[in-house]
Amino acid sequence: MRTIAVGDVHGCSLALAVLLEWLGPRADDRFVFLGDYIDRGPGSRDVIDQVLDLSTRCDVVPLLGNHELLMIASLAAGEANAFWLQQCGGQETLISYGGSLDQIPRTHQEFLRGCRRHFETASHLFLHANYDADKPLDEQPESLLFWQHLTGFIPIPHCSGKTVITGHTPQRTGEVLDLGHLLCIDTACFAGGWLTALDVDTKQTWQVNRYGERRA
């Protein structure tokens, strides 16, 4: 079984489609998505459709990102948050759904609310943004787990001794940030970089840009 982590998609639906075709998902694969499926790129609705479809073919573990939290809050309030719309790419997400929260399918709302805060295997920890090295995952503060960039705080190895796989902090060089104890695979697809998938056991990577071009 392969365990493959996928970085921040941010509405880059063509990149995700080509990436999944390239990977050729098998029934015994596990895909861990690190959150931020939506916003900024033009295809947020299609991204979630693709993840839902993939979940019918193999094991999919979808994590929450800070952008999903903003969308969930807007859905709960019945009104799109101005910060989400204007500063975080929420407008592009609403456009992909036809322009309003009312047009977001119930299946997509259920998907968002069902995303996990984190995920753990015998060898790896998966989370969206950052962590406190001295606390187990279920005790991590939301400010770190979803919002703190690695540029502001590089954590030491986690007390579990497990390797941490994370996203959220765009690596604008297009290269995976590999610190040994921590790998960040958000390689800024929406900003002209790449969407990255990582086999966490072999460290093999696959990268596709928002135009659907594979990286050799």
N, C-alpha and C. Protein backbone atom coordinates (compact mmCIF):
# COMPACT_ATOMS: atom_id res chain seq x y z
N MET A 1 0.84 -1.20 0.00
CA MET A 1 0.00 0.00 0.00
C MET A 1 0.87 1.25 0.00
N ARG A 2 0.57 2.16 -0.91
CA ARG A 2 1.25 3.46 -0.91
C ARG A 2 0.47 4.42 -0.02
N THR A 3 1.18 5.22 0.75
CA THR A 3 0.57 6.35 1.45
C THR A 3 1.08 7.61 0.78
N ILE A 4 0.17 8.31 0.11
CA ILE A 4 0.55 9.46 -0.70
C ILE A 4 -0.09 10.71 -0.12
N ALA A 5 0.72 11.69 0.24
CA ALA A 5 0.23 12.97 0.72
C ALA A 5 0.13 13.94 -0.45
N VAL A 6 -0.93 14.75 -0.46
CA VAL A 6 -1.15 15.74 -1.51
C VAL A 6 -1.22 17.11 -0.87
N GLY A 7 -0.44 18.04 -1.40
CA GLY A 7 -0.38 19.39 -0.85
C GLY A 7 -1.58 20.24 -1.20
N ASP A 8 -1.50 21.51 -0.87
CA ASP A 8 -2.59 22.47 -1.03
C ASP A 8 -2.97 22.62 -2.50
N VAL A 9 -4.22 22.29 -2.83
CA VAL A 9 -4.67 22.33 -4.22
C VAL A 9 -5.15 23.73 -4.60
N HIS A 10 -5.84 24.40 -3.70
CA HIS A 10 -6.32 25.77 -3.91
C HIS A 10 -7.03 25.98 -5.25
N GLY A 11 -7.99 25.11 -5.52
CA GLY A 11 -8.84 25.32 -6.69
C GLY A 11 -8.19 25.02 -8.02
N CYS A 12 -6.99 24.45 -8.03
CA CYS A 12 -6.30 24.13 -9.28
C CYS A 12 -6.74 22.74 -9.75
N SER A 13 -7.94 22.68 -10.27
CA SER A 13 -8.57 21.39 -10.57
C SER A 13 -7.88 20.64 -11.71
N LEU A 14 -7.37 21.35 -12.70
CA LEU A 14 -6.67 20.68 -13.80
C LEU A 14 -5.41 20.02 -13.28
N ALA A 15 -4.68 20.70 -12.43
CA ALA A 15 -3.47 20.13 -11.85
C ALA A 15 -3.79 18.85 -11.09
N LEU A 16 -4.87 18.87 -10.32
CA LEU A 16 -5.23 17.67 -9.55
C LEU A 16 -5.63 16.53 -10.48
N ALA A 17 -6.40 16.83 -11.52
CA ALA A 17 -6.84 15.79 -12.44
C ALA A 17 -5.66 15.10 -13.11
N VAL A 18 -4.69 15.88 -13.56
CA VAL A 18 -3.51 15.31 -14.22
C VAL A 18 -2.66 14.55 -13.22
N LEU A 19 -2.53 15.09 -12.01
CA LEU A 19 -1.75 14.44 -10.97
C LEU A 19 -2.32 13.05 -10.65
N LEU A 20 -3.64 12.98 -10.47
CA LEU A 20 -4.27 11.70 -10.13
C LEU A 20 -4.16 10.70 -11.28
N GLU A 21 -4.31 11.19 -12.51
CA GLU A 21 -4.14 10.31 -13.66
C GLU A 21 -2.72 9.74 -13.70
N TRP A 22 -1.76 10.58 -13.43
CA TRP A 22 -0.35 10.20 -13.43
C TRP A 22 -0.08 9.15 -12.35
N LEU A 23 -0.66 9.35 -11.17
CA LEU A 23 -0.43 8.45 -10.05
C LEU A 23 -1.09 7.09 -10.25
N GLY A 24 -2.19 7.07 -10.99
CA GLY A 24 -2.89 5.81 -11.21
C GLY A 24 -3.33 5.17 -9.91
N PRO A 25 -4.23 5.78 -9.17
CA PRO A 25 -4.63 5.26 -7.86
C PRO A 25 -5.09 3.81 -7.91
N ARG A 26 -4.63 3.03 -6.91
CA ARG A 26 -5.01 1.64 -6.78
C ARG A 26 -5.88 1.46 -5.54
N ALA A 27 -6.63 0.39 -5.47
CA ALA A 27 -7.58 0.18 -4.38
C ALA A 27 -6.89 0.14 -3.02
N ASP A 28 -5.64 -0.28 -2.97
CA ASP A 28 -4.95 -0.37 -1.68
C ASP A 28 -4.13 0.87 -1.35
N ASP A 29 -4.24 1.92 -2.14
CA ASP A 29 -3.56 3.18 -1.84
C ASP A 29 -4.30 3.97 -0.77
N ARG A 30 -3.53 4.76 -0.03
CA ARG A 30 -4.11 5.75 0.88
C ARG A 30 -3.64 7.13 0.46
N PHE A 31 -4.59 8.02 0.20
CA PHE A 31 -4.28 9.41 -0.14
C PHE A 31 -4.64 10.30 1.04
N VAL A 32 -3.66 11.06 1.53
CA VAL A 32 -3.90 12.01 2.61
C VAL A 32 -3.79 13.42 2.02
N PHE A 33 -4.91 14.10 1.95
CA PHE A 33 -4.94 15.49 1.47
C PHE A 33 -4.75 16.42 2.67
N LEU A 34 -3.84 17.37 2.54
CA LEU A 34 -3.43 18.20 3.67
C LEU A 34 -4.28 19.46 3.86
N GLY A 35 -5.40 19.56 3.14
CA GLY A 35 -6.28 20.71 3.31
C GLY A 35 -6.07 21.79 2.28
N ASP A 36 -6.90 22.82 2.34
CA ASP A 36 -6.91 23.92 1.37
C ASP A 36 -7.18 23.41 -0.05
N TYR A 37 -8.31 22.74 -0.20
CA TYR A 37 -8.79 22.31 -1.51
C TYR A 37 -9.31 23.50 -2.30
N ILE A 38 -9.79 24.50 -1.60
CA ILE A 38 -10.57 25.60 -2.19
C ILE A 38 -9.78 26.91 -2.21
N ASP A 39 -10.43 27.91 -2.86
CA ASP A 39 -9.98 29.31 -2.87
C ASP A 39 -8.78 29.54 -3.80
N ARG A 40 -8.71 30.78 -4.27
CA ARG A 40 -7.65 31.30 -5.13
C ARG A 40 -7.74 30.79 -6.57
N GLY A 41 -7.69 29.51 -6.80
CA GLY A 41 -7.82 28.97 -8.15
C GLY A 41 -9.27 28.93 -8.59
N PRO A 42 -9.52 28.66 -9.88
CA PRO A 42 -10.87 28.76 -10.44
C PRO A 42 -11.75 27.53 -10.26
N GLY A 43 -11.18 26.39 -9.82
CA GLY A 43 -11.94 25.14 -9.89
C GLY A 43 -12.20 24.47 -8.56
N SER A 44 -12.55 25.24 -7.53
CA SER A 44 -12.73 24.65 -6.21
C SER A 44 -13.81 23.57 -6.19
N ARG A 45 -14.92 23.83 -6.84
CA ARG A 45 -16.00 22.83 -6.85
C ARG A 45 -15.51 21.53 -7.48
N ASP A 46 -14.80 21.63 -8.58
CA ASP A 46 -14.33 20.43 -9.27
C ASP A 46 -13.28 19.70 -8.44
N VAL A 47 -12.48 20.43 -7.70
CA VAL A 47 -11.48 19.79 -6.83
C VAL A 47 -12.18 18.87 -5.83
N ILE A 48 -13.22 19.39 -5.17
CA ILE A 48 -13.92 18.57 -4.18
C ILE A 48 -14.62 17.40 -4.85
N ASP A 49 -15.17 17.61 -6.04
CA ASP A 49 -15.77 16.50 -6.78
C ASP A 49 -14.73 15.40 -7.04
N GLN A 50 -13.52 15.81 -7.41
CA GLN A 50 -12.47 14.83 -7.69
C GLN A 50 -12.07 14.06 -6.44
N VAL A 51 -11.98 14.74 -5.32
CA VAL A 51 -11.61 14.07 -4.07
C VAL A 51 -12.71 13.09 -3.66
N LEU A 52 -13.96 13.50 -3.81
CA LEU A 52 -15.07 12.60 -3.50
C LEU A 52 -15.06 11.38 -4.41
N ASP A 53 -14.79 11.58 -5.68
CA ASP A 53 -14.72 10.46 -6.61
C ASP A 53 -13.57 9.52 -6.25
N LEU A 54 -12.42 10.10 -5.90
CA LEU A 54 -11.27 9.28 -5.53
C LEU A 54 -11.59 8.42 -4.31
N SER A 55 -12.40 8.94 -3.40
CA SER A 55 -12.73 8.20 -2.18
C SER A 55 -13.56 6.95 -2.45
N THR A 56 -14.12 6.84 -3.66
CA THR A 56 -14.86 5.63 -4.02
C THR A 56 -13.93 4.57 -4.59
N ARG A 57 -12.68 4.96 -4.86
CA ARG A 57 -11.74 4.04 -5.50
C ARG A 57 -10.61 3.59 -4.60
N CYS A 58 -10.33 4.36 -3.54
CA CYS A 58 -9.27 3.98 -2.61
C CYS A 58 -9.52 4.71 -1.28
N ASP A 59 -8.60 4.52 -0.35
CA ASP A 59 -8.74 5.14 0.97
C ASP A 59 -8.30 6.61 0.89
N VAL A 60 -9.20 7.52 1.18
CA VAL A 60 -8.88 8.95 1.16
C VAL A 60 -9.06 9.52 2.57
N VAL A 61 -8.03 10.22 3.02
CA VAL A 61 -8.05 10.88 4.32
C VAL A 61 -7.97 12.38 4.06
N PRO A 62 -9.11 13.10 4.11
CA PRO A 62 -9.08 14.54 3.86
C PRO A 62 -8.91 15.33 5.15
N LEU A 63 -7.89 16.17 5.19
CA LEU A 63 -7.67 17.03 6.35
C LEU A 63 -8.24 18.43 6.11
N LEU A 64 -8.53 19.10 7.20
CA LEU A 64 -8.98 20.48 7.16
C LEU A 64 -7.81 21.42 6.94
N GLY A 65 -8.06 22.49 6.18
CA GLY A 65 -7.13 23.60 6.10
C GLY A 65 -7.81 24.85 6.61
N ASN A 66 -7.06 25.92 6.76
CA ASN A 66 -7.66 27.17 7.25
C ASN A 66 -8.69 27.73 6.29
N HIS A 67 -8.55 27.46 4.99
CA HIS A 67 -9.52 27.97 4.03
C HIS A 67 -10.86 27.24 4.16
N GLU A 68 -10.81 25.95 4.47
CA GLU A 68 -12.06 25.24 4.73
C GLU A 68 -12.74 25.78 5.98
N LEU A 69 -11.96 26.12 7.00
CA LEU A 69 -12.54 26.68 8.22
C LEU A 69 -13.30 27.98 7.91
N LEU A 70 -12.74 28.81 7.05
CA LEU A 70 -13.41 30.05 6.68
C LEU A 70 -14.71 29.79 5.93
N MET A 71 -14.69 28.81 5.04
CA MET A 71 -15.90 28.48 4.29
C MET A 71 -16.96 27.88 5.19
N ILE A 72 -16.56 27.01 6.10
CA ILE A 72 -17.50 26.40 7.04
C ILE A 72 -18.14 27.47 7.92
N ALA A 73 -17.35 28.44 8.36
CA ALA A 73 -17.88 29.53 9.18
C ALA A 73 -18.92 30.35 8.41
N SER A 74 -18.64 30.58 7.13
CA SER A 74 -19.59 31.32 6.30
C SER A 74 -20.88 30.53 6.11
N LEU A 75 -20.76 29.23 5.91
CA LEU A 75 -21.95 28.39 5.76
C LEU A 75 -22.78 28.39 7.04
N ALA A 76 -22.10 28.34 8.18
CA ALA A 76 -22.81 28.34 9.46
C ALA A 76 -23.54 29.66 9.71
N ALA A 77 -22.92 30.75 9.26
CA ALA A 77 -23.52 32.08 9.45
C ALA A 77 -24.58 32.39 8.42
N GLY A 78 -24.57 31.63 7.32
CA GLY A 78 -25.51 31.90 6.23
C GLY A 78 -25.15 33.12 5.42
N GLU A 79 -23.91 33.56 5.58
CA GLU A 79 -23.43 34.76 4.87
C GLU A 79 -21.93 34.64 4.66
N ALA A 80 -21.47 34.95 3.47
CA ALA A 80 -20.05 34.84 3.16
C ALA A 80 -19.25 35.90 3.90
N ASN A 81 -18.24 35.45 4.63
CA ASN A 81 -17.38 36.35 5.39
C ASN A 81 -16.56 37.23 4.45
N ALA A 82 -16.53 38.53 4.72
CA ALA A 82 -15.83 39.47 3.84
C ALA A 82 -14.33 39.18 3.78
N PHE A 83 -13.75 38.80 4.90
CA PHE A 83 -12.31 38.47 4.92
C PHE A 83 -12.04 37.28 4.02
N TRP A 84 -12.89 36.27 4.10
CA TRP A 84 -12.74 35.09 3.24
C TRP A 84 -12.86 35.47 1.76
N LEU A 85 -13.86 36.26 1.44
CA LEU A 85 -14.10 36.63 0.05
C LEU A 85 -12.99 37.50 -0.53
N GLN A 86 -12.58 38.51 0.21
CA GLN A 86 -11.72 39.54 -0.34
C GLN A 86 -10.23 39.29 -0.14
N GLN A 87 -9.88 38.58 0.93
CA GLN A 87 -8.46 38.40 1.24
C GLN A 87 -7.95 36.98 1.01
N CYS A 88 -8.86 36.00 0.93
CA CYS A 88 -8.43 34.61 0.93
C CYS A 88 -8.87 33.82 -0.30
N GLY A 89 -9.41 34.51 -1.30
CA GLY A 89 -9.79 33.80 -2.52
C GLY A 89 -11.16 33.17 -2.48
N GLY A 90 -11.96 33.52 -1.46
CA GLY A 90 -13.30 32.94 -1.36
C GLY A 90 -14.21 33.31 -2.52
N GLN A 91 -13.98 34.48 -3.11
CA GLN A 91 -14.81 34.90 -4.23
C GLN A 91 -14.70 33.91 -5.39
N GLU A 92 -13.49 33.46 -5.67
CA GLU A 92 -13.28 32.49 -6.74
C GLU A 92 -14.00 31.18 -6.43
N THR A 93 -14.02 30.81 -5.15
CA THR A 93 -14.73 29.58 -4.77
C THR A 93 -16.22 29.73 -5.01
N LEU A 94 -16.80 30.84 -4.57
CA LEU A 94 -18.24 31.04 -4.78
C LEU A 94 -18.59 31.05 -6.26
N ILE A 95 -17.76 31.67 -7.07
CA ILE A 95 -18.00 31.69 -8.52
C ILE A 95 -18.05 30.27 -9.07
N SER A 96 -17.18 29.40 -8.57
CA SER A 96 -17.16 28.02 -9.06
C SER A 96 -18.45 27.28 -8.72
N TYR A 97 -19.17 27.77 -7.72
CA TYR A 97 -20.46 27.19 -7.33
C TYR A 97 -21.65 27.94 -7.90
N GLY A 98 -21.40 28.90 -8.75
CA GLY A 98 -22.50 29.65 -9.34
C GLY A 98 -22.77 30.98 -8.69
N GLY A 99 -21.97 31.35 -7.68
CA GLY A 99 -22.06 32.70 -7.14
C GLY A 99 -22.62 32.86 -5.75
N SER A 100 -23.11 31.79 -5.12
CA SER A 100 -23.69 31.98 -3.78
C SER A 100 -23.53 30.73 -2.93
N LEU A 101 -23.56 30.92 -1.61
CA LEU A 101 -23.48 29.81 -0.68
C LEU A 101 -24.62 28.83 -0.87
N ASP A 102 -25.78 29.33 -1.26
CA ASP A 102 -26.97 28.49 -1.41
C ASP A 102 -26.78 27.41 -2.47
N GLN A 103 -25.84 27.60 -3.38
CA GLN A 103 -25.65 26.66 -4.47
C GLN A 103 -24.58 25.60 -4.19
N ILE A 104 -24.03 25.62 -2.99
CA ILE A 104 -23.05 24.62 -2.62
C ILE A 104 -23.78 23.33 -2.25
N PRO A 105 -23.54 22.23 -2.96
CA PRO A 105 -24.28 20.99 -2.71
C PRO A 105 -24.11 20.49 -1.27
N ARG A 106 -25.13 19.83 -0.78
CA ARG A 106 -25.07 19.28 0.57
C ARG A 106 -23.91 18.29 0.71
N THR A 107 -23.65 17.53 -0.36
CA THR A 107 -22.54 16.56 -0.29
C THR A 107 -21.20 17.26 -0.07
N HIS A 108 -21.05 18.46 -0.65
CA HIS A 108 -19.80 19.20 -0.46
C HIS A 108 -19.73 19.79 0.94
N GLN A 109 -20.86 20.26 1.45
CA GLN A 109 -20.89 20.77 2.81
C GLN A 109 -20.56 19.66 3.81
N GLU A 110 -21.10 18.48 3.57
CA GLU A 110 -20.82 17.35 4.45
C GLU A 110 -19.36 16.94 4.36
N PHE A 111 -18.80 17.01 3.15
CA PHE A 111 -17.39 16.70 2.99
C PHE A 111 -16.53 17.65 3.83
N LEU A 112 -16.80 18.94 3.72
CA LEU A 112 -16.01 19.93 4.46
C LEU A 112 -16.09 19.70 5.96
N ARG A 113 -17.30 19.45 6.45
CA ARG A 113 -17.49 19.26 7.89
C ARG A 113 -16.92 17.93 8.36
N GLY A 114 -16.72 17.01 7.43
CA GLY A 114 -16.18 15.71 7.79
C GLY A 114 -14.67 15.60 7.70
N CYS A 115 -14.02 16.65 7.23
CA CYS A 115 -12.55 16.63 7.14
C CYS A 115 -11.93 16.54 8.53
N ARG A 116 -10.83 15.82 8.62
CA ARG A 116 -10.17 15.62 9.91
C ARG A 116 -9.23 16.78 10.24
N ARG A 117 -8.98 16.96 11.51
CA ARG A 117 -8.05 18.00 11.96
C ARG A 117 -6.59 17.55 11.76
N HIS A 118 -6.36 16.25 11.79
CA HIS A 118 -5.01 15.69 11.66
C HIS A 118 -5.15 14.20 11.44
N PHE A 119 -4.02 13.56 11.15
CA PHE A 119 -4.02 12.11 10.91
C PHE A 119 -2.65 11.58 11.33
N GLU A 120 -2.64 10.34 11.82
CA GLU A 120 -1.41 9.77 12.34
C GLU A 120 -1.29 8.31 11.91
N THR A 121 -0.08 7.90 11.50
CA THR A 121 0.22 6.51 11.22
C THR A 121 1.34 6.08 12.17
N ALA A 122 1.82 4.88 11.99
CA ALA A 122 2.88 4.37 12.86
C ALA A 122 4.18 5.16 12.71
N SER A 123 4.33 5.84 11.56
CA SER A 123 5.60 6.52 11.30
C SER A 123 5.48 8.01 10.99
N HIS A 124 4.26 8.48 10.71
CA HIS A 124 4.10 9.86 10.25
C HIS A 124 2.93 10.56 10.93
N LEU A 125 3.06 11.87 11.04
CA LEU A 125 1.98 12.75 11.45
C LEU A 125 1.63 13.65 10.26
N PHE A 126 0.34 13.82 10.01
CA PHE A 126 -0.12 14.65 8.91
C PHE A 126 -0.99 15.77 9.48
N LEU A 127 -0.68 17.00 9.10
CA LEU A 127 -1.45 18.15 9.57
C LEU A 127 -1.32 19.27 8.56
N HIS A 128 -2.15 20.30 8.71
CA HIS A 128 -2.17 21.33 7.68
C HIS A 128 -1.01 22.32 7.78
N ALA A 129 -0.77 22.87 8.96
CA ALA A 129 0.13 24.03 9.02
C ALA A 129 1.37 23.84 9.89
N ASN A 130 1.20 23.70 11.21
CA ASN A 130 2.34 23.72 12.12
C ASN A 130 1.96 22.99 13.40
N TYR A 131 2.89 22.90 14.35
CA TYR A 131 2.59 22.12 15.55
C TYR A 131 3.48 22.52 16.72
N ASP A 132 3.02 22.17 17.91
CA ASP A 132 3.79 22.27 19.14
C ASP A 132 4.45 20.91 19.35
N ALA A 133 5.76 20.88 19.37
CA ALA A 133 6.49 19.62 19.42
C ALA A 133 6.25 18.82 20.69
N ASP A 134 5.79 19.46 21.74
CA ASP A 134 5.61 18.79 23.02
C ASP A 134 4.19 18.29 23.26
N LYS A 135 3.29 18.50 22.32
CA LYS A 135 1.90 18.11 22.53
C LYS A 135 1.45 17.09 21.49
N PRO A 136 0.63 16.10 21.91
CA PRO A 136 0.06 15.17 20.92
C PRO A 136 -0.88 15.94 19.98
N LEU A 137 -1.21 15.32 18.85
CA LEU A 137 -1.99 16.03 17.85
C LEU A 137 -3.35 16.49 18.36
N ASP A 138 -3.98 15.69 19.20
CA ASP A 138 -5.32 16.08 19.66
C ASP A 138 -5.30 17.18 20.69
N GLU A 139 -4.10 17.66 21.07
CA GLU A 139 -3.99 18.79 22.00
C GLU A 139 -3.38 20.02 21.34
N GLN A 140 -3.20 19.98 20.02
CA GLN A 140 -2.59 21.10 19.32
C GLN A 140 -3.54 22.30 19.28
N PRO A 141 -3.06 23.50 19.52
CA PRO A 141 -3.90 24.69 19.39
C PRO A 141 -4.26 24.97 17.94
N GLU A 142 -5.47 25.45 17.72
CA GLU A 142 -5.93 25.72 16.36
C GLU A 142 -5.04 26.75 15.67
N SER A 143 -4.50 27.70 16.43
CA SER A 143 -3.67 28.74 15.83
C SER A 143 -2.43 28.15 15.16
N LEU A 144 -1.89 27.08 15.72
CA LEU A 144 -0.74 26.42 15.11
C LEU A 144 -1.18 25.44 14.03
N LEU A 145 -2.16 24.63 14.33
CA LEU A 145 -2.55 23.53 13.46
C LEU A 145 -3.03 24.01 12.09
N PHE A 146 -3.67 25.21 12.07
CA PHE A 146 -4.27 25.67 10.82
C PHE A 146 -3.71 26.99 10.28
N TRP A 147 -3.06 27.78 11.11
CA TRP A 147 -2.73 29.14 10.69
C TRP A 147 -1.25 29.51 10.70
N GLN A 148 -0.44 28.93 11.55
CA GLN A 148 0.95 29.36 11.71
C GLN A 148 1.83 28.88 10.57
N HIS A 149 2.42 29.82 9.84
CA HIS A 149 3.34 29.46 8.76
C HIS A 149 4.70 29.03 9.31
N LEU A 150 5.36 28.20 8.56
CA LEU A 150 6.70 27.77 8.96
C LEU A 150 7.71 28.90 8.87
N THR A 151 7.40 29.91 8.06
CA THR A 151 8.31 31.06 7.96
C THR A 151 8.38 31.83 9.27
N GLY A 152 7.36 31.70 10.10
CA GLY A 152 7.35 32.41 11.38
C GLY A 152 7.80 31.55 12.55
N PHE A 153 7.80 30.23 12.35
CA PHE A 153 8.12 29.34 13.46
C PHE A 153 8.46 27.95 12.93
N ILE A 154 9.73 27.56 13.02
CA ILE A 154 10.14 26.22 12.63
C ILE A 154 10.17 25.34 13.88
N PRO A 155 9.31 24.34 13.97
CA PRO A 155 9.28 23.51 15.17
C PRO A 155 10.41 22.49 15.18
N ILE A 156 10.76 22.06 16.38
CA ILE A 156 11.73 20.98 16.53
C ILE A 156 11.01 19.65 16.28
N PRO A 157 11.74 18.53 16.23
CA PRO A 157 11.07 17.24 16.03
C PRO A 157 9.97 16.99 17.06
N HIS A 158 8.90 16.36 16.62
CA HIS A 158 7.76 16.09 17.49
C HIS A 158 8.13 15.04 18.54
N CYS A 159 7.52 15.16 19.72
CA CYS A 159 7.83 14.27 20.83
C CYS A 159 7.55 12.80 20.52
N SER A 160 6.71 12.54 19.53
CA SER A 160 6.41 11.17 19.13
C SER A 160 7.56 10.51 18.39
N GLY A 161 8.47 11.33 17.87
CA GLY A 161 9.56 10.82 17.05
C GLY A 161 9.16 10.56 15.62
N LYS A 162 7.90 10.85 15.27
CA LYS A 162 7.41 10.60 13.92
C LYS A 162 7.70 11.77 13.00
N THR A 163 7.81 11.48 11.71
CA THR A 163 8.03 12.51 10.70
C THR A 163 6.72 13.23 10.43
N VAL A 164 6.78 14.56 10.37
CA VAL A 164 5.59 15.38 10.15
C VAL A 164 5.52 15.78 8.69
N ILE A 165 4.33 15.61 8.10
CA ILE A 165 4.05 16.03 6.73
C ILE A 165 3.03 17.15 6.79
N THR A 166 3.37 18.29 6.21
CA THR A 166 2.51 19.46 6.34
C THR A 166 2.44 20.25 5.03
N GLY A 167 1.50 21.19 4.99
CA GLY A 167 1.34 22.08 3.86
C GLY A 167 1.33 23.51 4.35
N HIS A 168 0.45 24.34 3.78
CA HIS A 168 0.12 25.70 4.25
C HIS A 168 1.16 26.76 3.94
N THR A 169 2.45 26.45 4.10
CA THR A 169 3.49 27.45 3.86
C THR A 169 4.01 27.29 2.43
N PRO A 170 3.63 28.20 1.51
CA PRO A 170 4.00 28.01 0.09
C PRO A 170 5.51 28.02 -0.11
N GLN A 171 6.02 26.97 -0.72
CA GLN A 171 7.44 26.90 -1.09
C GLN A 171 7.54 27.39 -2.53
N ARG A 172 7.80 28.68 -2.68
CA ARG A 172 7.72 29.30 -4.00
C ARG A 172 8.87 28.91 -4.91
N THR A 173 9.84 28.20 -4.37
CA THR A 173 10.89 27.64 -5.22
C THR A 173 10.36 26.44 -6.02
N GLY A 174 9.22 25.90 -5.58
CA GLY A 174 8.68 24.70 -6.20
C GLY A 174 9.27 23.42 -5.65
N GLU A 175 10.17 23.53 -4.69
CA GLU A 175 10.82 22.36 -4.11
C GLU A 175 10.21 22.04 -2.75
N VAL A 176 10.07 20.76 -2.47
CA VAL A 176 9.61 20.33 -1.16
C VAL A 176 10.61 20.77 -0.09
N LEU A 177 10.11 21.33 1.00
CA LEU A 177 10.97 21.68 2.13
C LEU A 177 11.17 20.42 2.97
N ASP A 178 12.39 19.92 3.00
CA ASP A 178 12.69 18.69 3.72
C ASP A 178 13.69 18.99 4.83
N LEU A 179 13.18 19.02 6.06
CA LEU A 179 14.02 19.28 7.22
C LEU A 179 14.36 18.00 7.96
N GLY A 180 14.06 16.88 7.36
CA GLY A 180 14.31 15.61 8.02
C GLY A 180 13.14 15.19 8.89
N HIS A 181 12.91 15.93 9.97
CA HIS A 181 11.79 15.62 10.88
C HIS A 181 10.48 16.17 10.37
N LEU A 182 10.54 17.04 9.35
CA LEU A 182 9.35 17.73 8.83
C LEU A 182 9.51 17.94 7.33
N LEU A 183 8.43 17.66 6.59
CA LEU A 183 8.41 17.96 5.15
C LEU A 183 7.19 18.80 4.86
N CYS A 184 7.39 19.91 4.16
CA CYS A 184 6.28 20.76 3.73
C CYS A 184 6.13 20.60 2.23
N ILE A 185 4.92 20.19 1.80
CA ILE A 185 4.72 19.91 0.38
C ILE A 185 3.74 20.89 -0.28
N ASP A 186 3.51 22.05 0.33
CA ASP A 186 2.78 23.10 -0.38
C ASP A 186 3.80 23.81 -1.27
N THR A 187 3.73 23.52 -2.56
CA THR A 187 4.68 24.11 -3.49
C THR A 187 4.01 25.12 -4.43
N ALA A 188 3.01 25.83 -3.88
CA ALA A 188 2.46 27.06 -4.47
C ALA A 188 1.89 26.89 -5.86
N CYS A 189 1.07 25.88 -6.06
CA CYS A 189 0.49 25.65 -7.38
C CYS A 189 -0.29 26.86 -7.90
N PHE A 190 -1.11 27.45 -7.04
CA PHE A 190 -1.96 28.56 -7.48
C PHE A 190 -1.15 29.79 -7.86
N ALA A 191 0.08 29.89 -7.35
CA ALA A 191 0.91 31.08 -7.58
C ALA A 191 1.99 30.85 -8.62
N GLY A 192 1.77 29.87 -9.49
CA GLY A 192 2.74 29.61 -10.54
C GLY A 192 3.71 28.49 -10.23
N GLY A 193 3.50 27.80 -9.11
CA GLY A 193 4.36 26.69 -8.74
C GLY A 193 3.76 25.36 -9.16
N TRP A 194 3.77 24.41 -8.23
CA TRP A 194 3.39 23.04 -8.55
C TRP A 194 2.46 22.47 -7.48
N LEU A 195 1.60 21.56 -7.90
CA LEU A 195 0.85 20.72 -6.97
C LEU A 195 1.67 19.46 -6.76
N THR A 196 1.98 19.17 -5.50
CA THR A 196 2.89 18.07 -5.20
C THR A 196 2.18 16.92 -4.51
N ALA A 197 2.49 15.71 -4.96
CA ALA A 197 2.12 14.48 -4.26
C ALA A 197 3.41 13.82 -3.81
N LEU A 198 3.38 13.25 -2.61
CA LEU A 198 4.58 12.66 -2.01
C LEU A 198 4.25 11.27 -1.48
N ASP A 199 5.00 10.27 -1.94
CA ASP A 199 4.94 8.95 -1.31
C ASP A 199 5.77 9.06 -0.04
N VAL A 200 5.12 8.99 1.11
CA VAL A 200 5.81 9.32 2.36
C VAL A 200 6.84 8.27 2.76
N ASP A 201 6.74 7.07 2.21
CA ASP A 201 7.70 6.02 2.56
C ASP A 201 8.93 6.05 1.67
N THR A 202 8.76 6.30 0.39
CA THR A 202 9.90 6.32 -0.53
C THR A 202 10.41 7.73 -0.81
N LYS A 203 9.59 8.74 -0.47
CA LYS A 203 9.86 10.15 -0.75
C LYS A 203 9.84 10.48 -2.25
N GLN A 204 9.29 9.60 -3.05
CA GLN A 204 9.08 9.93 -4.46
C GLN A 204 8.04 11.03 -4.57
N THR A 205 8.26 11.99 -5.47
CA THR A 205 7.31 13.07 -5.66
C THR A 205 6.81 13.11 -7.11
N TRP A 206 5.60 13.63 -7.26
CA TRP A 206 5.00 13.92 -8.56
C TRP A 206 4.52 15.35 -8.48
N GLN A 207 4.78 16.14 -9.53
CA GLN A 207 4.39 17.55 -9.52
C GLN A 207 3.76 17.96 -10.84
N VAL A 208 2.66 18.72 -10.75
CA VAL A 208 1.95 19.21 -11.92
C VAL A 208 1.60 20.68 -11.67
N ASN A 209 1.74 21.52 -12.70
CA ASN A 209 1.37 22.92 -12.50
C ASN A 209 -0.11 23.16 -12.83
N ARG A 210 -0.56 24.37 -12.63
CA ARG A 210 -2.00 24.67 -12.79
C ARG A 210 -2.47 24.55 -14.23
N TYR A 211 -1.54 24.47 -15.17
CA TYR A 211 -1.90 24.29 -16.58
C TYR A 211 -1.91 22.82 -16.98
N GLY A 212 -1.65 21.94 -16.02
CA GLY A 212 -1.68 20.52 -16.29
C GLY A 212 -0.38 19.97 -16.84
N GLU A 213 0.70 20.71 -16.69
CA GLU A 213 2.01 20.27 -17.19
C GLU A 213 2.77 19.55 -16.07
N ARG A 214 3.26 18.36 -16.41
CA ARG A 214 4.04 17.59 -15.45
C ARG A 214 5.45 18.13 -15.33
N ARG A 215 5.99 18.00 -14.14
CA ARG A 215 7.40 18.38 -13.93
C ARG A 215 8.27 17.14 -14.09
N ALA A 216 9.22 17.20 -14.95
CA ALA A 216 10.09 16.05 -15.23
C ALA A 216 10.97 15.74 -14.02
